[in-house]
């Protein structure tokens, strides 16, 4: 049985990641971002994906995957722009 709370959490997080990604692309700065924090969030999504595959398969798996992809892209942007931040005087 699907939990409306799980669904609500994934939708809220899923709506917030595009704003974080947009800010990263627009400013090209890493200030306020933590790769460790982003990595822990991504790992949490991996656990959610595993749970949906092994224990309770349903369409909510797609939301976990979408969120994981967005966080992964934000991590990519962090490392791309952190090199730039380190070389700027």
PDB file of N, CA and C in Angstrom:
ATOM      1  N   UNK A   1       0.836  -1.189   0.000  1.00  0.00           N
ATOM      2  CA  UNK A   1       0.000   0.000   0.000  1.00  0.00           C
ATOM      3  C   UNK A   1       0.880   1.251   0.000  1.00  0.00           C
ATOM      4  N   UNK A   2       0.544   2.171  -0.845  1.00  0.00           N
ATOM      5  CA  UNK A   2       1.324   3.405  -0.965  1.00  0.00           C
ATOM      6  C   UNK A   2       1.029   4.335   0.211  1.00  0.00           C
ATOM      7  N   UNK A   3       2.042   4.994   0.678  1.00  0.00           N
ATOM      8  CA  UNK A   3       1.871   5.957   1.760  1.00  0.00           C
ATOM      9  C   UNK A   3       1.719   7.359   1.176  1.00  0.00           C
ATOM     10  N   UNK A   4       0.652   8.075   1.545  1.00  0.00           N
ATOM     11  CA  UNK A   4       0.514   9.442   1.046  1.00  0.00           C
ATOM     12  C   UNK A   4       1.630  10.349   1.572  1.00  0.00           C
ATOM     13  N   UNK A   5       2.203   9.991   2.711  1.00  0.00           N
ATOM     14  CA  UNK A   5       3.278  10.795   3.280  1.00  0.00           C
ATOM     15  C   UNK A   5       4.574  10.614   2.495  1.00  0.00           C
ATOM     16  N   UNK A   6       4.853   9.381   2.101  1.00  0.00           N
ATOM     17  CA  UNK A   6       6.020   9.114   1.261  1.00  0.00           C
ATOM     18  C   UNK A   6       5.868   9.835  -0.075  1.00  0.00           C
ATOM     19  N   UNK A   7       4.702   9.740  -0.643  1.00  0.00           N
ATOM     20  CA  UNK A   7       4.419  10.398  -1.910  1.00  0.00           C
ATOM     21  C   UNK A   7       4.573  11.911  -1.784  1.00  0.00           C
ATOM     22  N   UNK A   8       4.025  12.489  -0.712  1.00  0.00           N
ATOM     23  CA  UNK A   8       4.140  13.931  -0.479  1.00  0.00           C
ATOM     24  C   UNK A   8       5.586  14.374  -0.329  1.00  0.00           C
ATOM     25  N   UNK A   9       6.377  13.587   0.413  1.00  0.00           N
ATOM     26  CA  UNK A   9       7.787  13.915   0.601  1.00  0.00           C
ATOM     27  C   UNK A   9       8.516  13.924  -0.733  1.00  0.00           C
ATOM     28  N   UNK A  10       8.301  12.898  -1.532  1.00  0.00           N
ATOM     29  CA  UNK A  10       8.996  12.797  -2.812  1.00  0.00           C
ATOM     30  C   UNK A  10       8.571  13.899  -3.776  1.00  0.00           C
ATOM     31  N   UNK A  11       7.309  14.265  -3.746  1.00  0.00           N
ATOM     32  CA  UNK A  11       6.844  15.351  -4.607  1.00  0.00           C
ATOM     33  C   UNK A  11       7.449  16.674  -4.170  1.00  0.00           C
ATOM     34  N   UNK A  12       7.444  16.952  -2.863  1.00  0.00           N
ATOM     35  CA  UNK A  12       8.023  18.213  -2.368  1.00  0.00           C
ATOM     36  C   UNK A  12       9.513  18.302  -2.678  1.00  0.00           C
ATOM     37  N   UNK A  13      10.251  17.231  -2.404  1.00  0.00           N
ATOM     38  CA  UNK A  13      11.674  17.239  -2.725  1.00  0.00           C
ATOM     39  C   UNK A  13      11.878  17.357  -4.230  1.00  0.00           C
ATOM     40  N   UNK A  14      11.058  16.642  -4.983  1.00  0.00           N
ATOM     41  CA  UNK A  14      11.169  16.676  -6.434  1.00  0.00           C
ATOM     42  C   UNK A  14      10.908  18.058  -7.015  1.00  0.00           C
ATOM     43  N   UNK A  15      10.046  18.826  -6.375  1.00  0.00           N
ATOM     44  CA  UNK A  15       9.785  20.193  -6.832  1.00  0.00           C
ATOM     45  C   UNK A  15      10.895  21.156  -6.427  1.00  0.00           C
ATOM     46  N   UNK A  16      11.604  20.847  -5.345  1.00  0.00           N
ATOM     47  CA  UNK A  16      12.647  21.764  -4.867  1.00  0.00           C
ATOM     48  C   UNK A  16      13.984  21.604  -5.595  1.00  0.00           C
ATOM     49  N   UNK A  17      14.309  20.397  -6.068  1.00  0.00           N
ATOM     50  CA  UNK A  17      15.614  20.184  -6.723  1.00  0.00           C
ATOM     51  C   UNK A  17      15.804  21.023  -7.978  1.00  0.00           C
ATOM     52  N   UNK A  18      14.784  21.195  -8.814  1.00  0.00           N
ATOM     53  CA  UNK A  18      15.008  22.052  -9.985  1.00  0.00           C
ATOM     54  C   UNK A  18      15.408  23.486  -9.624  1.00  0.00           C
ATOM     55  N   UNK A  19      14.893  23.999  -8.511  1.00  0.00           N
ATOM     56  CA  UNK A  19      15.283  25.345  -8.067  1.00  0.00           C
ATOM     57  C   UNK A  19      16.750  25.377  -7.657  1.00  0.00           C
ATOM     58  N   UNK A  20      17.200  24.343  -6.951  1.00  0.00           N
ATOM     59  CA  UNK A  20      18.604  24.266  -6.546  1.00  0.00           C
ATOM     60  C   UNK A  20      19.509  24.148  -7.767  1.00  0.00           C
ATOM     61  N   UNK A  21      19.098  23.343  -8.723  1.00  0.00           N
ATOM     62  CA  UNK A  21      19.881  23.165  -9.948  1.00  0.00           C
ATOM     63  C   UNK A  21      19.925  24.472 -10.739  1.00  0.00           C
ATOM     64  N   UNK A  22      18.794  25.131 -10.859  1.00  0.00           N
ATOM     65  CA  UNK A  22      18.728  26.417 -11.572  1.00  0.00           C
ATOM     66  C   UNK A  22      19.668  27.437 -10.929  1.00  0.00           C
ATOM     67  N   UNK A  23      19.655  27.493  -9.594  1.00  0.00           N
ATOM     68  CA  UNK A  23      20.533  28.434  -8.892  1.00  0.00           C
ATOM     69  C   UNK A  23      22.000  28.107  -9.168  1.00  0.00           C
ATOM     70  N   UNK A  24      22.346  26.834  -9.159  1.00  0.00           N
ATOM     71  CA  UNK A  24      23.727  26.434  -9.433  1.00  0.00           C
ATOM     72  C   UNK A  24      24.146  26.849 -10.841  1.00  0.00           C
ATOM     73  N   UNK A  25      23.275  26.614 -11.807  1.00  0.00           N
ATOM     74  CA  UNK A  25      23.600  26.950 -13.189  1.00  0.00           C
ATOM     75  C   UNK A  25      23.687  28.460 -13.381  1.00  0.00           C
ATOM     76  N   UNK A  26      22.769  29.185 -12.759  1.00  0.00           N
ATOM     77  CA  UNK A  26      22.721  30.636 -12.933  1.00  0.00           C
ATOM     78  C   UNK A  26      23.927  31.326 -12.290  1.00  0.00           C
ATOM     79  N   UNK A  27      24.260  30.954 -11.057  1.00  0.00           N
ATOM     80  CA  UNK A  27      25.342  31.643 -10.343  1.00  0.00           C
ATOM     81  C   UNK A  27      26.716  31.041 -10.628  1.00  0.00           C
ATOM     82  N   UNK A  28      26.738  29.762 -11.006  1.00  0.00           N
ATOM     83  CA  UNK A  28      27.999  29.041 -11.211  1.00  0.00           C
ATOM     84  C   UNK A  28      28.896  29.098  -9.970  1.00  0.00           C
ATOM     85  N   UNK A  29      28.259  29.118  -8.800  1.00  0.00           N
ATOM     86  CA  UNK A  29      28.960  29.165  -7.521  1.00  0.00           C
ATOM     87  C   UNK A  29      28.569  27.950  -6.683  1.00  0.00           C
ATOM     88  N   UNK A  30      29.459  27.562  -5.792  1.00  0.00           N
ATOM     89  CA  UNK A  30      29.193  26.420  -4.925  1.00  0.00           C
ATOM     90  C   UNK A  30      28.923  26.834  -3.479  1.00  0.00           C
ATOM     91  N   UNK A  31      28.934  28.128  -3.215  1.00  0.00           N
ATOM     92  CA  UNK A  31      28.702  28.616  -1.855  1.00  0.00           C
ATOM     93  C   UNK A  31      27.353  28.108  -1.346  1.00  0.00           C
ATOM     94  N   UNK A  32      27.370  27.589  -0.119  1.00  0.00           N
ATOM     95  CA  UNK A  32      26.145  27.087   0.482  1.00  0.00           C
ATOM     96  C   UNK A  32      25.825  25.645   0.127  1.00  0.00           C
ATOM     97  N   UNK A  33      26.625  25.055  -0.729  1.00  0.00           N
ATOM     98  CA  UNK A  33      26.414  23.656  -1.124  1.00  0.00           C
ATOM     99  C   UNK A  33      27.425  22.778  -0.402  1.00  0.00           C
ATOM    100  N   UNK A  34      27.003  21.597  -0.051  1.00  0.00           N
ATOM    101  CA  UNK A  34      27.885  20.630   0.590  1.00  0.00           C
ATOM    102  C   UNK A  34      27.824  19.319  -0.186  1.00  0.00           C
ATOM    103  N   UNK A  35      28.958  18.892  -0.745  1.00  0.00           N
ATOM    104  CA  UNK A  35      28.938  17.621  -1.483  1.00  0.00           C
ATOM    105  C   UNK A  35      28.624  16.435  -0.567  1.00  0.00           C
ATOM    106  N   UNK A  36      29.015  16.516   0.683  1.00  0.00           N
ATOM    107  CA  UNK A  36      28.706  15.429   1.625  1.00  0.00           C
ATOM    108  C   UNK A  36      27.196  15.354   1.840  1.00  0.00           C
ATOM    109  N   UNK A  37      26.574  16.507   2.071  1.00  0.00           N
ATOM    110  CA  UNK A  37      25.124  16.545   2.260  1.00  0.00           C
ATOM    111  C   UNK A  37      24.406  16.010   1.025  1.00  0.00           C
ATOM    112  N   UNK A  38      24.805  16.486  -0.149  1.00  0.00           N
ATOM    113  CA  UNK A  38      24.180  16.020  -1.389  1.00  0.00           C
ATOM    114  C   UNK A  38      24.386  14.521  -1.572  1.00  0.00           C
ATOM    115  N   UNK A  39      25.568  14.030  -1.219  1.00  0.00           N
ATOM    116  CA  UNK A  39      25.849  12.598  -1.319  1.00  0.00           C
ATOM    117  C   UNK A  39      24.988  11.771  -0.386  1.00  0.00           C
ATOM    118  N   UNK A  40      24.774  12.265   0.824  1.00  0.00           N
ATOM    119  CA  UNK A  40      23.921  11.546   1.779  1.00  0.00           C
ATOM    120  C   UNK A  40      22.477  11.510   1.275  1.00  0.00           C
ATOM    121  N   UNK A  41      22.017  12.621   0.714  1.00  0.00           N
ATOM    122  CA  UNK A  41      20.671  12.661   0.144  1.00  0.00           C
ATOM    123  C   UNK A  41      20.566  11.650  -1.009  1.00  0.00           C
ATOM    124  N   UNK A  42      21.570  11.634  -1.892  1.00  0.00           N
ATOM    125  CA  UNK A  42      21.569  10.685  -3.011  1.00  0.00           C
ATOM    126  C   UNK A  42      21.551   9.246  -2.501  1.00  0.00           C
ATOM    127  N   UNK A  43      22.332   8.967  -1.462  1.00  0.00           N
ATOM    128  CA  UNK A  43      22.359   7.627  -0.871  1.00  0.00           C
ATOM    129  C   UNK A  43      20.984   7.260  -0.309  1.00  0.00           C
ATOM    130  N   UNK A  44      20.329   8.223   0.306  1.00  0.00           N
ATOM    131  CA  UNK A  44      18.969   7.978   0.804  1.00  0.00           C
ATOM    132  C   UNK A  44      18.025   7.592  -0.317  1.00  0.00           C
ATOM    133  N   UNK A  45      18.145   8.260  -1.450  1.00  0.00           N
ATOM    134  CA  UNK A  45      17.315   7.897  -2.601  1.00  0.00           C
ATOM    135  C   UNK A  45      17.667   6.504  -3.112  1.00  0.00           C
ATOM    136  N   UNK A  46      18.943   6.131  -3.086  1.00  0.00           N
ATOM    137  CA  UNK A  46      19.344   4.776  -3.495  1.00  0.00           C
ATOM    138  C   UNK A  46      18.677   3.742  -2.589  1.00  0.00           C
ATOM    139  N   UNK A  47      18.661   4.004  -1.274  1.00  0.00           N
ATOM    140  CA  UNK A  47      17.983   3.080  -0.355  1.00  0.00           C
ATOM    141  C   UNK A  47      16.488   3.004  -0.650  1.00  0.00           C
ATOM    142  N   UNK A  48      15.877   4.149  -0.951  1.00  0.00           N
ATOM    143  CA  UNK A  48      14.467   4.156  -1.307  1.00  0.00           C
ATOM    144  C   UNK A  48      14.201   3.368  -2.578  1.00  0.00           C
ATOM    145  N   UNK A  49      15.089   3.517  -3.556  1.00  0.00           N
ATOM    146  CA  UNK A  49      14.966   2.769  -4.813  1.00  0.00           C
ATOM    147  C   UNK A  49      15.077   1.267  -4.545  1.00  0.00           C
ATOM    148  N   UNK A  50      16.056   0.886  -3.740  1.00  0.00           N
ATOM    149  CA  UNK A  50      16.222  -0.541  -3.400  1.00  0.00           C
ATOM    150  C   UNK A  50      14.978  -1.084  -2.699  1.00  0.00           C
ATOM    151  N   UNK A  51      14.433  -0.308  -1.779  1.00  0.00           N
ATOM    152  CA  UNK A  51      13.230  -0.726  -1.063  1.00  0.00           C
ATOM    153  C   UNK A  51      12.065  -0.931  -2.037  1.00  0.00           C
ATOM    154  N   UNK A  52      11.922  -0.005  -2.977  1.00  0.00           N
ATOM    155  CA  UNK A  52      10.824  -0.110  -3.939  1.00  0.00           C
ATOM    156  C   UNK A  52      11.022  -1.285  -4.888  1.00  0.00           C
ATOM    157  N   UNK A  53      12.242  -1.623  -5.203  1.00  0.00           N
ATOM    158  CA  UNK A  53      12.499  -2.752  -6.100  1.00  0.00           C
ATOM    159  C   UNK A  53      12.318  -4.092  -5.371  1.00  0.00           C
ATOM    160  N   UNK A  54      12.848  -4.176  -4.147  1.00  0.00           N
ATOM    161  CA  UNK A  54      12.896  -5.454  -3.427  1.00  0.00           C
ATOM    162  C   UNK A  54      11.643  -5.716  -2.586  1.00  0.00           C
ATOM    163  N   UNK A  55      11.189  -4.716  -1.844  1.00  0.00           N
ATOM    164  CA  UNK A  55      10.142  -4.934  -0.848  1.00  0.00           C
ATOM    165  C   UNK A  55       8.747  -4.541  -1.336  1.00  0.00           C
ATOM    166  N   UNK A  56       8.634  -3.353  -1.889  1.00  0.00           N
ATOM    167  CA  UNK A  56       7.304  -2.819  -2.202  1.00  0.00           C
ATOM    168  C   UNK A  56       7.303  -2.160  -3.568  1.00  0.00           C
ATOM    169  N   UNK A  57       7.389  -2.953  -4.639  1.00  0.00           N
ATOM    170  CA  UNK A  57       7.443  -2.353  -5.972  1.00  0.00           C
ATOM    171  C   UNK A  57       6.132  -1.642  -6.331  1.00  0.00           C
ATOM    172  N   UNK A  58       6.254  -0.398  -6.755  1.00  0.00           N
ATOM    173  CA  UNK A  58       5.127   0.360  -7.282  1.00  0.00           C
ATOM    174  C   UNK A  58       5.656   1.542  -8.077  1.00  0.00           C
ATOM    175  N   UNK A  59       4.778   2.328  -8.623  1.00  0.00           N
ATOM    176  CA  UNK A  59       5.162   3.429  -9.510  1.00  0.00           C
ATOM    177  C   UNK A  59       5.914   4.541  -8.793  1.00  0.00           C
ATOM    178  N   UNK A  60       5.871   4.584  -7.469  1.00  0.00           N
ATOM    179  CA  UNK A  60       6.591   5.612  -6.710  1.00  0.00           C
ATOM    180  C   UNK A  60       8.100   5.486  -6.946  1.00  0.00           C
ATOM    181  N   UNK A  61       8.531   4.310  -7.383  1.00  0.00           N
ATOM    182  CA  UNK A  61       9.926   4.096  -7.755  1.00  0.00           C
ATOM    183  C   UNK A  61      10.389   5.161  -8.752  1.00  0.00           C
ATOM    184  N   UNK A  62       9.519   5.553  -9.659  1.00  0.00           N
ATOM    185  CA  UNK A  62       9.860   6.575 -10.652  1.00  0.00           C
ATOM    186  C   UNK A  62      10.202   7.913  -9.998  1.00  0.00           C
ATOM    187  N   UNK A  63       9.498   8.261  -8.923  1.00  0.00           N
ATOM    188  CA  UNK A  63       9.788   9.512  -8.218  1.00  0.00           C
ATOM    189  C   UNK A  63      11.154   9.439  -7.526  1.00  0.00           C
ATOM    190  N   UNK A  64      11.448   8.277  -6.922  1.00  0.00           N
ATOM    191  CA  UNK A  64      12.769   8.099  -6.312  1.00  0.00           C
ATOM    192  C   UNK A  64      13.864   8.249  -7.368  1.00  0.00           C
ATOM    193  N   UNK A  65      13.662   7.629  -8.517  1.00  0.00           N
ATOM    194  CA  UNK A  65      14.664   7.700  -9.581  1.00  0.00           C
ATOM    195  C   UNK A  65      14.821   9.126 -10.107  1.00  0.00           C
ATOM    196  N   UNK A  66      13.717   9.825 -10.299  1.00  0.00           N
ATOM    197  CA  UNK A  66      13.787  11.213 -10.773  1.00  0.00           C
ATOM    198  C   UNK A  66      14.527  12.091  -9.779  1.00  0.00           C
ATOM    199  N   UNK A  67      14.211  11.947  -8.507  1.00  0.00           N
ATOM    200  CA  UNK A  67      14.896  12.738  -7.480  1.00  0.00           C
ATOM    201  C   UNK A  67      16.380  12.398  -7.420  1.00  0.00           C
ATOM    202  N   UNK A  68      16.697  11.109  -7.513  1.00  0.00           N
ATOM    203  CA  UNK A  68      18.100  10.694  -7.505  1.00  0.00           C
ATOM    204  C   UNK A  68      18.857  11.321  -8.670  1.00  0.00           C
ATOM    205  N   UNK A  69      18.244  11.319  -9.839  1.00  0.00           N
ATOM    206  CA  UNK A  69      18.903  11.913 -11.012  1.00  0.00           C
ATOM    207  C   UNK A  69      19.131  13.416 -10.832  1.00  0.00           C
ATOM    208  N   UNK A  70      18.157  14.108 -10.252  1.00  0.00           N
ATOM    209  CA  UNK A  70      18.323  15.548 -10.039  1.00  0.00           C
ATOM    210  C   UNK A  70      19.425  15.845  -9.021  1.00  0.00           C
ATOM    211  N   UNK A  71      19.472  15.070  -7.931  1.00  0.00           N
ATOM    212  CA  UNK A  71      20.533  15.269  -6.938  1.00  0.00           C
ATOM    213  C   UNK A  71      21.888  14.943  -7.556  1.00  0.00           C
ATOM    214  N   UNK A  72      21.943  13.891  -8.337  1.00  0.00           N
ATOM    215  CA  UNK A  72      23.198  13.525  -8.996  1.00  0.00           C
ATOM    216  C   UNK A  72      23.671  14.634  -9.926  1.00  0.00           C
ATOM    217  N   UNK A  73      22.744  15.251 -10.634  1.00  0.00           N
ATOM    218  CA  UNK A  73      23.100  16.363 -11.515  1.00  0.00           C
ATOM    219  C   UNK A  73      23.593  17.556 -10.705  1.00  0.00           C
ATOM    220  N   UNK A  74      22.978  17.811  -9.557  1.00  0.00           N
ATOM    221  CA  UNK A  74      23.430  18.907  -8.689  1.00  0.00           C
ATOM    222  C   UNK A  74      24.834  18.614  -8.146  1.00  0.00           C
ATOM    223  N   UNK A  75      25.116  17.349  -7.835  1.00  0.00           N
ATOM    224  CA  UNK A  75      26.472  16.969  -7.399  1.00  0.00           C
ATOM    225  C   UNK A  75      27.466  17.216  -8.534  1.00  0.00           C
ATOM    226  N   UNK A  76      27.093  16.818  -9.746  1.00  0.00           N
ATOM    227  CA  UNK A  76      27.936  17.065 -10.914  1.00  0.00           C
ATOM    228  C   UNK A  76      28.232  18.563 -11.049  1.00  0.00           C
ATOM    229  N   UNK A  77      27.192  19.381 -10.933  1.00  0.00           N
ATOM    230  CA  UNK A  77      27.381  20.833 -11.037  1.00  0.00           C
ATOM    231  C   UNK A  77      28.284  21.350  -9.929  1.00  0.00           C
ATOM    232  N   UNK A  78      28.138  20.812  -8.721  1.00  0.00           N
ATOM    233  CA  UNK A  78      28.989  21.241  -7.611  1.00  0.00           C
ATOM    234  C   UNK A  78      30.461  21.041  -7.970  1.00  0.00           C
ATOM    235  N   UNK A  79      30.811  19.858  -8.421  1.00  0.00           N
ATOM    236  CA  UNK A  79      32.219  19.596  -8.722  1.00  0.00           C
ATOM    237  C   UNK A  79      32.694  20.365  -9.954  1.00  0.00           C
ATOM    238  N   UNK A  80      31.815  20.556 -10.902  1.00  0.00           N
ATOM    239  CA  UNK A  80      32.180  21.353 -12.081  1.00  0.00           C
ATOM    240  C   UNK A  80      32.483  22.799 -11.693  1.00  0.00           C
ATOM    241  N   UNK A  81      31.638  23.392 -10.878  1.00  0.00           N
ATOM    242  CA  UNK A  81      31.804  24.796 -10.510  1.00  0.00           C
ATOM    243  C   UNK A  81      32.785  24.982  -9.348  1.00  0.00           C
ATOM    244  N   UNK A  82      33.041  23.944  -8.559  1.00  0.00           N
ATOM    245  CA  UNK A  82      34.004  24.101  -7.456  1.00  0.00           C
ATOM    246  C   UNK A  82      35.416  24.263  -8.007  1.00  0.00           C
ATOM    247  N   UNK A  83      35.722  23.609  -9.125  1.00  0.00           N
ATOM    248  CA  UNK A  83      37.026  23.810  -9.767  1.00  0.00           C
ATOM    249  C   UNK A  83      37.166  25.253 -10.217  1.00  0.00           C
ATOM    250  N   UNK A  84      36.109  25.783 -10.737  1.00  0.00           N
ATOM    251  CA  UNK A  84      36.092  27.170 -11.205  1.00  0.00           C
ATOM    252  C   UNK A  84      36.263  28.142 -10.024  1.00  0.00           C
ATOM    253  N   UNK A  85      35.561  27.871  -8.899  1.00  0.00           N
ATOM    254  CA  UNK A  85      35.677  28.710  -7.717  1.00  0.00           C
ATOM    255  C   UNK A  85      37.096  28.742  -7.169  1.00  0.00           C
ATOM    256  N   UNK A  86      37.762  27.587  -7.230  1.00  0.00           N
ATOM    257  CA  UNK A  86      39.120  27.485  -6.696  1.00  0.00           C
ATOM    258  C   UNK A  86      40.156  28.206  -7.573  1.00  0.00           C
ATOM    259  N   UNK A  87      39.855  28.428  -8.831  1.00  0.00           N
ATOM    260  CA  UNK A  87      40.795  29.080  -9.725  1.00  0.00           C
ATOM    261  C   UNK A  87      40.506  30.566  -9.940  1.00  0.00           C
ATOM    262  N   UNK A  88      39.429  31.059  -9.326  1.00  0.00           N
ATOM    263  CA  UNK A  88      39.084  32.472  -9.499  1.00  0.00           C
ATOM    264  C   UNK A  88      39.777  33.297  -8.425  1.00  0.00           C
ATOM    265  N   UNK A  89      40.472  34.373  -8.805  1.00  0.00           N
ATOM    266  CA  UNK A  89      41.172  35.166  -7.791  1.00  0.00           C
ATOM    267  C   UNK A  89      40.224  35.932  -6.898  1.00  0.00           C
TER     268      UNK A  89
END
